[in-house]
Amino acid sequence: MELNKIKKTAKELEIEVVGENETILNPITQVLLQNSDVEFAEYLCDHPLSNKRILYVRVKKGKPEEALKRAVKQLEEEVKSFSKNFERKKKK
């Protein structure tokens, strides 16, 4: 995965994500939208066969990159929890 910053302001962040698709970007966007400090979050794709996506985040307060970091950290914790629970259930 490659990340390229397209635009950064105090309240907005736009990143080109190369080599990933909706599998990772949809959960990130959903978690971002659950954050009350986030005003808008979306990812765009020019063409379904393209390997490039644009992730856009706009915040009401705080920094957009901090909101993105928190969202990724939350997803990481959810995946770890799921994996741990799955392993426990598999042993039963």
Protein backbone atom coordinates (compact mmCIF):
# COMPACT_ATOMS: atom_id res chain seq x y z
CA MET A 1 0.00 0.00 0.00
CA GLU A 2 1.22 3.45 -0.88
CA LEU A 3 -0.15 6.70 0.58
CA ASN A 4 0.28 10.06 -1.14
CA LYS A 5 -0.89 13.28 0.46
CA ILE A 6 -2.92 15.31 -2.03
CA LYS A 7 -4.26 18.08 0.20
CA LYS A 8 -3.88 19.05 3.84
CA THR A 9 -5.43 22.00 5.63
CA ALA A 10 -6.25 22.59 9.28
CA LYS A 11 -9.60 20.82 8.89
CA GLU A 12 -9.22 18.65 5.76
CA LEU A 13 -7.06 15.78 4.62
CA GLU A 14 -7.08 14.16 1.20
CA ILE A 15 -4.91 11.10 0.59
CA GLU A 16 -4.38 8.95 -2.47
CA VAL A 17 -4.31 5.28 -1.46
CA VAL A 18 -2.61 3.03 -4.01
CA GLY A 19 -2.91 -0.73 -3.90
CA GLU A 20 -5.92 -0.99 -1.61
CA ASN A 21 -9.64 -1.09 -2.20
CA GLU A 22 -12.94 -0.90 -0.36
CA THR A 23 -11.99 -3.79 1.90
CA ILE A 24 -9.90 -1.47 4.06
CA LEU A 25 -11.27 1.95 3.12
CA ASN A 26 -14.92 1.24 3.88
CA PRO A 27 -14.31 0.23 7.53
CA ILE A 28 -11.99 3.22 8.04
CA THR A 29 -14.63 5.56 6.63
CA GLN A 30 -17.36 4.01 8.79
CA VAL A 31 -15.31 4.42 11.98
CA LEU A 32 -14.42 8.00 11.03
CA LEU A 33 -18.11 8.82 10.60
CA GLN A 34 -18.84 7.52 14.11
CA ASN A 35 -16.51 10.19 15.52
CA SER A 36 -18.48 13.30 16.50
CA ASP A 37 -15.46 15.49 15.65
CA VAL A 38 -15.57 14.29 12.01
CA GLU A 39 -17.83 16.31 9.76
CA PHE A 40 -17.34 14.28 6.57
CA ALA A 41 -15.43 11.17 5.50
CA GLU A 42 -15.54 9.37 2.17
CA TYR A 43 -13.39 7.52 -0.31
CA LEU A 44 -13.65 7.85 -4.07
CA CYS A 45 -12.61 5.73 -7.01
CA ASP A 46 -12.30 7.02 -10.57
CA HIS A 47 -12.82 3.59 -12.08
CA PRO A 48 -13.63 0.16 -10.57
CA LEU A 49 -10.51 -1.38 -12.13
CA SER A 50 -8.21 1.33 -10.81
CA ASN A 51 -5.93 0.46 -7.91
CA LYS A 52 -6.05 4.06 -6.66
CA ARG A 53 -8.59 5.47 -4.23
CA ILE A 54 -8.90 8.91 -2.67
CA LEU A 55 -9.67 9.13 1.05
CA TYR A 56 -11.11 12.46 2.18
CA VAL A 57 -11.62 13.54 5.79
CA ARG A 58 -13.00 16.86 7.10
CA VAL A 59 -13.24 17.54 10.82
CA LYS A 60 -15.32 19.97 12.88
CA LYS A 61 -12.58 20.24 15.49
CA GLY A 62 -9.15 18.76 16.00
CA LYS A 63 -6.81 17.60 13.27
CA PRO A 64 -7.94 15.32 10.45
CA GLU A 65 -4.80 13.18 10.62
CA GLU A 66 -5.41 12.57 14.33
CA ALA A 67 -8.98 11.47 13.61
CA LEU A 68 -7.65 9.09 10.95
CA LYS A 69 -5.04 7.68 13.35
CA ARG A 70 -7.71 7.07 16.01
CA ALA A 71 -9.97 5.35 13.48
CA VAL A 72 -7.19 3.03 12.33
CA LYS A 73 -6.24 2.26 15.94
CA GLN A 74 -9.87 1.47 16.79
CA LEU A 75 -10.12 -0.90 13.82
CA GLU A 76 -6.88 -2.56 14.82
CA GLU A 77 -8.27 -3.20 18.32
CA GLU A 78 -11.54 -4.56 16.89
CA VAL A 79 -9.68 -6.98 14.62
CA LYS A 80 -7.49 -8.16 17.51
CA SER A 81 -10.56 -8.71 19.67
CA PHE A 82 -12.32 -10.60 16.90
CA SER A 83 -9.27 -12.79 16.33
CA LYS A 84 -8.93 -13.55 20.04
CA ASN A 85 -12.63 -14.44 20.33
CA PHE A 86 -12.47 -16.55 17.19
CA GLU A 87 -9.51 -18.54 18.52
CA ARG A 88 -11.31 -19.12 21.83
CA LYS A 89 -14.46 -20.35 20.11
CA LYS A 90 -12.46 -22.53 17.73
CA LYS A 91 -10.93 -24.41 20.68
CA LYS A 92 -14.35 -25.29 22.13
